[in-house]
Amino acid sequence: MDELARKLAQELLDSGKDLYREQYPVTRNQQKTEEVIVVIAIKTDRRGEQILKEMAEHFETKAVAGPKGNVCPVCNGTGRI
């Protein structure tokens, strides 16, 4: 995946844009699930990099969907943070 990420970063630079985002539905047995894969590439400065790193750490530890039936401790089941 590192090589693909490098290619995405180069494509973002070549495009002249500062942001790329797309989401892809996760399918199992050709059926869509409730899950999606979100791909985001952002051109930023060091301060922005630190803010994004902190946000990513927050999502990794608190906002990632858990097993069905568990309520998210961050949004309390609303889906909003």
PDB file of N, CA and C in Angstrom:
ATOM      1  N   MET A   1       0.814  -1.194   0.000  1.00  0.00           N
ATOM      2  CA  MET A   1       0.000   0.000   0.000  1.00  0.00           C
ATOM      3  C   MET A   1       0.856   1.257   0.000  1.00  0.00           C
ATOM      4  N   ASP A   2       2.075   1.166   0.512  1.00  0.00           N
ATOM      5  CA  ASP A   2       2.944   2.342   0.526  1.00  0.00           C
ATOM      6  C   ASP A   2       3.198   2.860  -0.884  1.00  0.00           C
ATOM      7  N   GLU A   3       3.420   1.944  -1.813  1.00  0.00           N
ATOM      8  CA  GLU A   3       3.676   2.357  -3.201  1.00  0.00           C
ATOM      9  C   GLU A   3       2.453   3.043  -3.796  1.00  0.00           C
ATOM     10  N   LEU A   4       1.268   2.516  -3.507  1.00  0.00           N
ATOM     11  CA  LEU A   4       0.047   3.145  -3.998  1.00  0.00           C
ATOM     12  C   LEU A   4      -0.148   4.524  -3.377  1.00  0.00           C
ATOM     13  N   ALA A   5       0.182   4.655  -2.101  1.00  0.00           N
ATOM     14  CA  ALA A   5       0.066   5.961  -1.433  1.00  0.00           C
ATOM     15  C   ALA A   5       1.017   6.976  -2.060  1.00  0.00           C
ATOM     16  N   ARG A   6       2.229   6.532  -2.385  1.00  0.00           N
ATOM     17  CA  ARG A   6       3.185   7.430  -3.044  1.00  0.00           C
ATOM     18  C   ARG A   6       2.672   7.868  -4.416  1.00  0.00           C
ATOM     19  N   LYS A   7       2.067   6.937  -5.147  1.00  0.00           N
ATOM     20  CA  LYS A   7       1.510   7.274  -6.455  1.00  0.00           C
ATOM     21  C   LYS A   7       0.358   8.273  -6.308  1.00  0.00           C
ATOM     22  N   LEU A   8      -0.487   8.060  -5.305  1.00  0.00           N
ATOM     23  CA  LEU A   8      -1.595   8.987  -5.052  1.00  0.00           C
ATOM     24  C   LEU A   8      -1.056  10.372  -4.705  1.00  0.00           C
ATOM     25  N   ALA A   9      -0.022  10.435  -3.876  1.00  0.00           N
ATOM     26  CA  ALA A   9       0.586  11.720  -3.515  1.00  0.00           C
ATOM     27  C   ALA A   9       1.137  12.418  -4.753  1.00  0.00           C
ATOM     28  N   GLN A  10       1.794  11.673  -5.628  1.00  0.00           N
ATOM     29  CA  GLN A  10       2.345  12.270  -6.844  1.00  0.00           C
ATOM     30  C   GLN A  10       1.232  12.745  -7.770  1.00  0.00           C
ATOM     31  N   GLU A  11       0.168  11.959  -7.882  1.00  0.00           N
ATOM     32  CA  GLU A  11      -0.977  12.357  -8.703  1.00  0.00           C
ATOM     33  C   GLU A  11      -1.609  13.640  -8.163  1.00  0.00           C
ATOM     34  N   LEU A  12      -1.691  13.764  -6.841  1.00  0.00           N
ATOM     35  CA  LEU A  12      -2.241  14.978  -6.243  1.00  0.00           C
ATOM     36  C   LEU A  12      -1.368  16.176  -6.595  1.00  0.00           C
ATOM     37  N   LEU A  13      -0.051  16.018  -6.454  1.00  0.00           N
ATOM     38  CA  LEU A  13       0.866  17.102  -6.811  1.00  0.00           C
ATOM     39  C   LEU A  13       0.750  17.469  -8.291  1.00  0.00           C
ATOM     40  N   ASP A  14       0.710  16.466  -9.143  1.00  0.00           N
ATOM     41  CA  ASP A  14       0.624  16.698 -10.589  1.00  0.00           C
ATOM     42  C   ASP A  14      -0.685  17.387 -10.983  1.00  0.00           C
ATOM     43  N   SER A  15      -1.742  17.144 -10.215  1.00  0.00           N
ATOM     44  CA  SER A  15      -3.046  17.724 -10.546  1.00  0.00           C
ATOM     45  C   SER A  15      -3.123  19.204 -10.204  1.00  0.00           C
ATOM     46  N   GLY A  16      -2.244  19.659  -9.310  1.00  0.00           N
ATOM     47  CA  GLY A  16      -2.288  21.051  -8.872  1.00  0.00           C
ATOM     48  C   GLY A  16      -3.346  21.315  -7.811  1.00  0.00           C
ATOM     49  N   LYS A  17      -4.029  20.282  -7.389  1.00  0.00           N
ATOM     50  CA  LYS A  17      -5.065  20.432  -6.357  1.00  0.00           C
ATOM     51  C   LYS A  17      -4.457  20.210  -4.972  1.00  0.00           C
ATOM     52  N   ASP A  18      -5.194  20.650  -3.942  1.00  0.00           N
ATOM     53  CA  ASP A  18      -4.754  20.471  -2.559  1.00  0.00           C
ATOM     54  C   ASP A  18      -5.476  19.341  -1.850  1.00  0.00           C
ATOM     55  N   LEU A  19      -6.536  18.810  -2.468  1.00  0.00           N
ATOM     56  CA  LEU A  19      -7.357  17.811  -1.789  1.00  0.00           C
ATOM     57  C   LEU A  19      -7.899  16.801  -2.782  1.00  0.00           C
ATOM     58  N   TYR A  20      -7.852  15.530  -2.389  1.00  0.00           N
ATOM     59  CA  TYR A  20      -8.532  14.457  -3.109  1.00  0.00           C
ATOM     60  C   TYR A  20      -9.265  13.641  -2.065  1.00  0.00           C
ATOM     61  N   ARG A  21     -10.522  13.357  -2.317  1.00  0.00           N
ATOM     62  CA  ARG A  21     -11.262  12.475  -1.406  1.00  0.00           C
ATOM     63  C   ARG A  21     -12.259  11.656  -2.203  1.00  0.00           C
ATOM     64  N   GLU A  22     -12.400  10.433  -1.781  1.00  0.00           N
ATOM     65  CA  GLU A  22     -13.337   9.520  -2.433  1.00  0.00           C
ATOM     66  C   GLU A  22     -13.704   8.450  -1.421  1.00  0.00           C
ATOM     67  N   GLN A  23     -14.880   7.910  -1.558  1.00  0.00           N
ATOM     68  CA  GLN A  23     -15.271   6.798  -0.695  1.00  0.00           C
ATOM     69  C   GLN A  23     -15.762   5.644  -1.552  1.00  0.00           C
ATOM     70  N   TYR A  24     -15.485   4.456  -1.075  1.00  0.00           N
ATOM     71  CA  TYR A  24     -15.822   3.242  -1.797  1.00  0.00           C
ATOM     72  C   TYR A  24     -16.573   2.310  -0.863  1.00  0.00           C
ATOM     73  N   PRO A  25     -17.730   1.809  -1.286  1.00  0.00           N
ATOM     74  CA  PRO A  25     -18.485   0.894  -0.432  1.00  0.00           C
ATOM     75  C   PRO A  25     -17.768  -0.452  -0.306  1.00  0.00           C
ATOM     76  N   VAL A  26     -17.860  -1.033   0.867  1.00  0.00           N
ATOM     77  CA  VAL A  26     -17.308  -2.368   1.101  1.00  0.00           C
ATOM     78  C   VAL A  26     -18.393  -3.372   0.751  1.00  0.00           C
ATOM     79  N   THR A  27     -18.030  -4.366  -0.054  1.00  0.00           N
ATOM     80  CA  THR A  27     -18.985  -5.408  -0.420  1.00  0.00           C
ATOM     81  C   THR A  27     -18.486  -6.765   0.050  1.00  0.00           C
ATOM     82  N   ARG A  28     -19.413  -7.606   0.387  1.00  0.00           N
ATOM     83  CA  ARG A  28     -19.128  -9.003   0.730  1.00  0.00           C
ATOM     84  C   ARG A  28     -20.138  -9.861  -0.014  1.00  0.00           C
ATOM     85  N   ASN A  29     -19.660 -10.855  -0.715  1.00  0.00           N
ATOM     86  CA  ASN A  29     -20.531 -11.712  -1.530  1.00  0.00           C
ATOM     87  C   ASN A  29     -21.383 -10.872  -2.474  1.00  0.00           C
ATOM     88  N   GLN A  30     -20.774  -9.868  -3.068  1.00  0.00           N
ATOM     89  CA  GLN A  30     -21.409  -8.966  -4.029  1.00  0.00           C
ATOM     90  C   GLN A  30     -22.562  -8.163  -3.433  1.00  0.00           C
ATOM     91  N   GLN A  31     -22.600  -8.040  -2.107  1.00  0.00           N
ATOM     92  CA  GLN A  31     -23.620  -7.247  -1.418  1.00  0.00           C
ATOM     93  C   GLN A  31     -22.931  -6.102  -0.681  1.00  0.00           C
ATOM     94  N   LYS A  32     -23.479  -4.893  -0.799  1.00  0.00           N
ATOM     95  CA  LYS A  32     -22.926  -3.758  -0.069  1.00  0.00           C
ATOM     96  C   LYS A  32     -23.145  -3.946   1.426  1.00  0.00           C
ATOM     97  N   THR A  33     -22.143  -3.578   2.197  1.00  0.00           N
ATOM     98  CA  THR A  33     -22.274  -3.579   3.650  1.00  0.00           C
ATOM     99  C   THR A  33     -22.496  -2.139   4.097  1.00  0.00           C
ATOM    100  N   GLU A  34     -22.578  -1.914   5.386  1.00  0.00           N
ATOM    101  CA  GLU A  34     -22.711  -0.555   5.909  1.00  0.00           C
ATOM    102  C   GLU A  34     -21.365   0.145   5.983  1.00  0.00           C
ATOM    103  N   GLU A  35     -20.295  -0.561   5.675  1.00  0.00           N
ATOM    104  CA  GLU A  35     -18.958  -0.003   5.774  1.00  0.00           C
ATOM    105  C   GLU A  35     -18.531   0.655   4.467  1.00  0.00           C
ATOM    106  N   VAL A  36     -17.676   1.664   4.583  1.00  0.00           N
ATOM    107  CA  VAL A  36     -17.073   2.307   3.424  1.00  0.00           C
ATOM    108  C   VAL A  36     -15.591   2.505   3.692  1.00  0.00           C
ATOM    109  N   ILE A  37     -14.827   2.552   2.630  1.00  0.00           N
ATOM    110  CA  ILE A  37     -13.416   2.910   2.707  1.00  0.00           C
ATOM    111  C   ILE A  37     -13.322   4.354   2.240  1.00  0.00           C
ATOM    112  N   VAL A  38     -12.739   5.225   3.055  1.00  0.00           N
ATOM    113  CA  VAL A  38     -12.580   6.626   2.706  1.00  0.00           C
ATOM    114  C   VAL A  38     -11.105   6.871   2.413  1.00  0.00           C
ATOM    115  N   VAL A  39     -10.834   7.424   1.236  1.00  0.00           N
ATOM    116  CA  VAL A  39      -9.472   7.738   0.825  1.00  0.00           C
ATOM    117  C   VAL A  39      -9.356   9.254   0.753  1.00  0.00           C
ATOM    118  N   ILE A  40      -8.383   9.805   1.492  1.00  0.00           N
ATOM    119  CA  ILE A  40      -8.184  11.247   1.508  1.00  0.00           C
ATOM    120  C   ILE A  40      -6.700  11.532   1.320  1.00  0.00           C
ATOM    121  N   ALA A  41      -6.410  12.454   0.413  1.00  0.00           N
ATOM    122  CA  ALA A  41      -5.041  12.945   0.237  1.00  0.00           C
ATOM    123  C   ALA A  41      -5.117  14.469   0.347  1.00  0.00           C
ATOM    124  N   ILE A  42      -4.290  15.045   1.222  1.00  0.00           N
ATOM    125  CA  ILE A  42      -4.326  16.479   1.468  1.00  0.00           C
ATOM    126  C   ILE A  42      -2.916  17.041   1.393  1.00  0.00           C
ATOM    127  N   LYS A  43      -2.755  18.090   0.618  1.00  0.00           N
ATOM    128  CA  LYS A  43      -1.488  18.815   0.580  1.00  0.00           C
ATOM    129  C   LYS A  43      -1.576  19.897   1.662  1.00  0.00           C
ATOM    130  N   THR A  44      -0.648  19.881   2.599  1.00  0.00           N
ATOM    131  CA  THR A  44      -0.723  20.795   3.733  1.00  0.00           C
ATOM    132  C   THR A  44       0.667  21.195   4.190  1.00  0.00           C
ATOM    133  N   ASP A  45       0.733  22.030   5.210  1.00  0.00           N
ATOM    134  CA  ASP A  45       2.013  22.409   5.799  1.00  0.00           C
ATOM    135  C   ASP A  45       2.246  21.581   7.063  1.00  0.00           C
ATOM    136  N   ARG A  46       3.354  21.834   7.766  1.00  0.00           N
ATOM    137  CA  ARG A  46       3.695  21.034   8.957  1.00  0.00           C
ATOM    138  C   ARG A  46       2.639  21.155  10.055  1.00  0.00           C
ATOM    139  N   ARG A  47       2.080  22.361  10.225  1.00  0.00           N
ATOM    140  CA  ARG A  47       1.058  22.549  11.266  1.00  0.00           C
ATOM    141  C   ARG A  47      -0.179  21.721  10.929  1.00  0.00           C
ATOM    142  N   GLY A  48      -0.588  21.775   9.675  1.00  0.00           N
ATOM    143  CA  GLY A  48      -1.725  20.975   9.234  1.00  0.00           C
ATOM    144  C   GLY A  48      -1.458  19.490   9.375  1.00  0.00           C
ATOM    145  N   GLU A  49      -0.233  19.096   9.108  1.00  0.00           N
ATOM    146  CA  GLU A  49       0.153  17.691   9.258  1.00  0.00           C
ATOM    147  C   GLU A  49      -0.034  17.228  10.694  1.00  0.00           C
ATOM    148  N   GLN A  50       0.361  18.058  11.651  1.00  0.00           N
ATOM    149  CA  GLN A  50       0.222  17.712  13.069  1.00  0.00           C
ATOM    150  C   GLN A  50      -1.252  17.605  13.461  1.00  0.00           C
ATOM    151  N   ILE A  51      -2.070  18.536  12.974  1.00  0.00           N
ATOM    152  CA  ILE A  51      -3.503  18.494  13.274  1.00  0.00           C
ATOM    153  C   ILE A  51      -4.131  17.229  12.697  1.00  0.00           C
ATOM    154  N   LEU A  52      -3.783  16.895  11.462  1.00  0.00           N
ATOM    155  CA  LEU A  52      -4.321  15.684  10.838  1.00  0.00           C
ATOM    156  C   LEU A  52      -3.858  14.422  11.560  1.00  0.00           C
ATOM    157  N   LYS A  53      -2.607  14.417  12.017  1.00  0.00           N
ATOM    158  CA  LYS A  53      -2.086  13.271  12.764  1.00  0.00           C
ATOM    159  C   LYS A  53      -2.879  13.075  14.055  1.00  0.00           C
ATOM    160  N   GLU A  54      -3.163  14.164  14.759  1.00  0.00           N
ATOM    161  CA  GLU A  54      -3.939  14.073  15.998  1.00  0.00           C
ATOM    162  C   GLU A  54      -5.360  13.589  15.719  1.00  0.00           C
ATOM    163  N   MET A  55      -5.957  14.075  14.628  1.00  0.00           N
ATOM    164  CA  MET A  55      -7.300  13.612  14.266  1.00  0.00           C
ATOM    165  C   MET A  55      -7.288  12.119  13.961  1.00  0.00           C
ATOM    166  N   ALA A  56      -6.287  11.669  13.211  1.00  0.00           N
ATOM    167  CA  ALA A  56      -6.194  10.252  12.860  1.00  0.00           C
ATOM    168  C   ALA A  56      -6.037   9.395  14.110  1.00  0.00           C
ATOM    169  N   GLU A  57      -5.221   9.842  15.054  1.00  0.00           N
ATOM    170  CA  GLU A  57      -5.051   9.103  16.307  1.00  0.00           C
ATOM    171  C   GLU A  57      -6.360   9.033  17.066  1.00  0.00           C
ATOM    172  N   HIS A  58      -7.119  10.116  17.057  1.00  0.00           N
ATOM    173  CA  HIS A  58      -8.424  10.135  17.718  1.00  0.00           C
ATOM    174  C   HIS A  58      -9.348   9.093  17.102  1.00  0.00           C
ATOM    175  N   PHE A  59      -9.416   9.075  15.772  1.00  0.00           N
ATOM    176  CA  PHE A  59     -10.289   8.116  15.102  1.00  0.00           C
ATOM    177  C   PHE A  59      -9.831   6.687  15.322  1.00  0.00           C
ATOM    178  N   GLU A  60      -8.530   6.456  15.359  1.00  0.00           N
ATOM    179  CA  GLU A  60      -8.018   5.102  15.563  1.00  0.00           C
ATOM    180  C   GLU A  60      -8.371   4.584  16.945  1.00  0.00           C
ATOM    181  N   THR A  61      -8.376   5.454  17.933  1.00  0.00           N
ATOM    182  CA  THR A  61      -8.588   4.989  19.304  1.00  0.00           C
ATOM    183  C   THR A  61     -10.018   5.123  19.790  1.00  0.00           C
ATOM    184  N   LYS A  62     -10.810   6.043  19.203  1.00  0.00           N
ATOM    185  CA  LYS A  62     -12.121   6.304  19.783  1.00  0.00           C
ATOM    186  C   LYS A  62     -13.287   6.205  18.824  1.00  0.00           C
ATOM    187  N   ALA A  63     -13.094   6.527  17.568  1.00  0.00           N
ATOM    188  CA  ALA A  63     -14.249   6.667  16.682  1.00  0.00           C
ATOM    189  C   ALA A  63     -14.380   5.568  15.636  1.00  0.00           C
ATOM    190  N   VAL A  64     -13.554   4.553  15.686  1.00  0.00           N
ATOM    191  CA  VAL A  64     -13.666   3.461  14.722  1.00  0.00           C
ATOM    192  C   VAL A  64     -14.837   2.577  15.128  1.00  0.00           C
ATOM    193  N   ALA A  65     -15.631   2.206  14.156  1.00  0.00           N
ATOM    194  CA  ALA A  65     -16.807   1.385  14.441  1.00  0.00           C
ATOM    195  C   ALA A  65     -16.413   0.078  15.102  1.00  0.00           C
ATOM    196  N   GLY A  66     -17.144  -0.280  16.113  1.00  0.00           N
ATOM    197  CA  GLY A  66     -16.892  -1.521  16.836  1.00  0.00           C
ATOM    198  C   GLY A  66     -17.900  -2.577  16.421  1.00  0.00           C
ATOM    199  N   PRO A  67     -17.934  -3.673  17.161  1.00  0.00           N
ATOM    200  CA  PRO A  67     -18.886  -4.736  16.852  1.00  0.00           C
ATOM    201  C   PRO A  67     -20.322  -4.220  16.937  1.00  0.00           C
ATOM    202  N   LYS A  68     -21.202  -4.830  16.176  1.00  0.00           N
ATOM    203  CA  LYS A  68     -22.603  -4.415  16.203  1.00  0.00           C
ATOM    204  C   LYS A  68     -23.139  -4.500  17.630  1.00  0.00           C
ATOM    205  N   GLY A  69     -23.920  -3.508  17.982  1.00  0.00           N
ATOM    206  CA  GLY A  69     -24.492  -3.473  19.322  1.00  0.00           C
ATOM    207  C   GLY A  69     -23.718  -2.581  20.267  1.00  0.00           C
ATOM    208  N   ASN A  70     -22.458  -2.270  19.949  1.00  0.00           N
ATOM    209  CA  ASN A  70     -21.671  -1.370  20.788  1.00  0.00           C
ATOM    210  C   ASN A  70     -21.915   0.067  20.357  1.00  0.00           C
ATOM    211  N   VAL A  71     -22.197   0.931  21.308  1.00  0.00           N
ATOM    212  CA  VAL A  71     -22.417   2.342  21.014  1.00  0.00           C
ATOM    213  C   VAL A  71     -21.073   3.057  21.043  1.00  0.00           C
ATOM    214  N   CYS A  72     -20.835   3.886  20.043  1.00  0.00           N
ATOM    215  CA  CYS A  72     -19.595   4.664  19.963  1.00  0.00           C
ATOM    216  C   CYS A  72     -19.500   5.569  21.184  1.00  0.00           C
ATOM    217  N   PRO A  73     -18.374   5.525  21.915  1.00  0.00           N
ATOM    218  CA  PRO A  73     -18.243   6.366  23.104  1.00  0.00           C
ATOM    219  C   PRO A  73     -18.051   7.843  22.772  1.00  0.00           C
ATOM    220  N   VAL A  74     -17.675   8.145  21.542  1.00  0.00           N
ATOM    221  CA  VAL A  74     -17.437   9.546  21.166  1.00  0.00           C
ATOM    222  C   VAL A  74     -18.738  10.232  20.769  1.00  0.00           C
ATOM    223  N   CYS A  75     -19.502   9.589  19.883  1.00  0.00           N
ATOM    224  CA  CYS A  75     -20.718  10.232  19.368  1.00  0.00           C
ATOM    225  C   CYS A  75     -21.976   9.735  20.056  1.00  0.00           C
ATOM    226  N   ASN A  76     -21.849   8.752  20.921  1.00  0.00           N
ATOM    227  CA  ASN A  76     -22.982   8.174  21.656  1.00  0.00           C
ATOM    228  C   ASN A  76     -24.047   7.616  20.714  1.00  0.00           C
ATOM    229  N   GLY A  77     -23.582   7.100  19.589  1.00  0.00           N
ATOM    230  CA  GLY A  77     -24.486   6.443  18.648  1.00  0.00           C
ATOM    231  C   GLY A  77     -25.130   7.356  17.634  1.00  0.00           C
ATOM    232  N   THR A  78     -24.820   8.652  17.649  1.00  0.00           N
ATOM    233  CA  THR A  78     -25.454   9.585  16.711  1.00  0.00           C
ATOM    234  C   THR A  78     -24.760   9.598  15.354  1.00  0.00           C
ATOM    235  N   GLY A  79     -23.496   9.181  15.301  1.00  0.00           N
ATOM    236  CA  GLY A  79     -22.727   9.241  14.065  1.00  0.00           C
ATOM    237  C   GLY A  79     -22.101  10.595  13.834  1.00  0.00           C
ATOM    238  N   ARG A  80     -22.263  11.506  14.785  1.00  0.00           N
ATOM    239  CA  ARG A  80     -21.689  12.844  14.656  1.00  0.00           C
ATOM    240  C   ARG A  80     -20.662  13.071  15.750  1.00  0.00           C
ATOM    241  N   ILE A  81     -19.535  13.642  15.340  1.00  0.00           N
ATOM    242  CA  ILE A  81     -18.473  13.914  16.307  1.00  0.00           C
ATOM    243  C   ILE A  81     -18.292  15.406  16.432  1.00  0.00           C
TER     244      ILE A  81
END
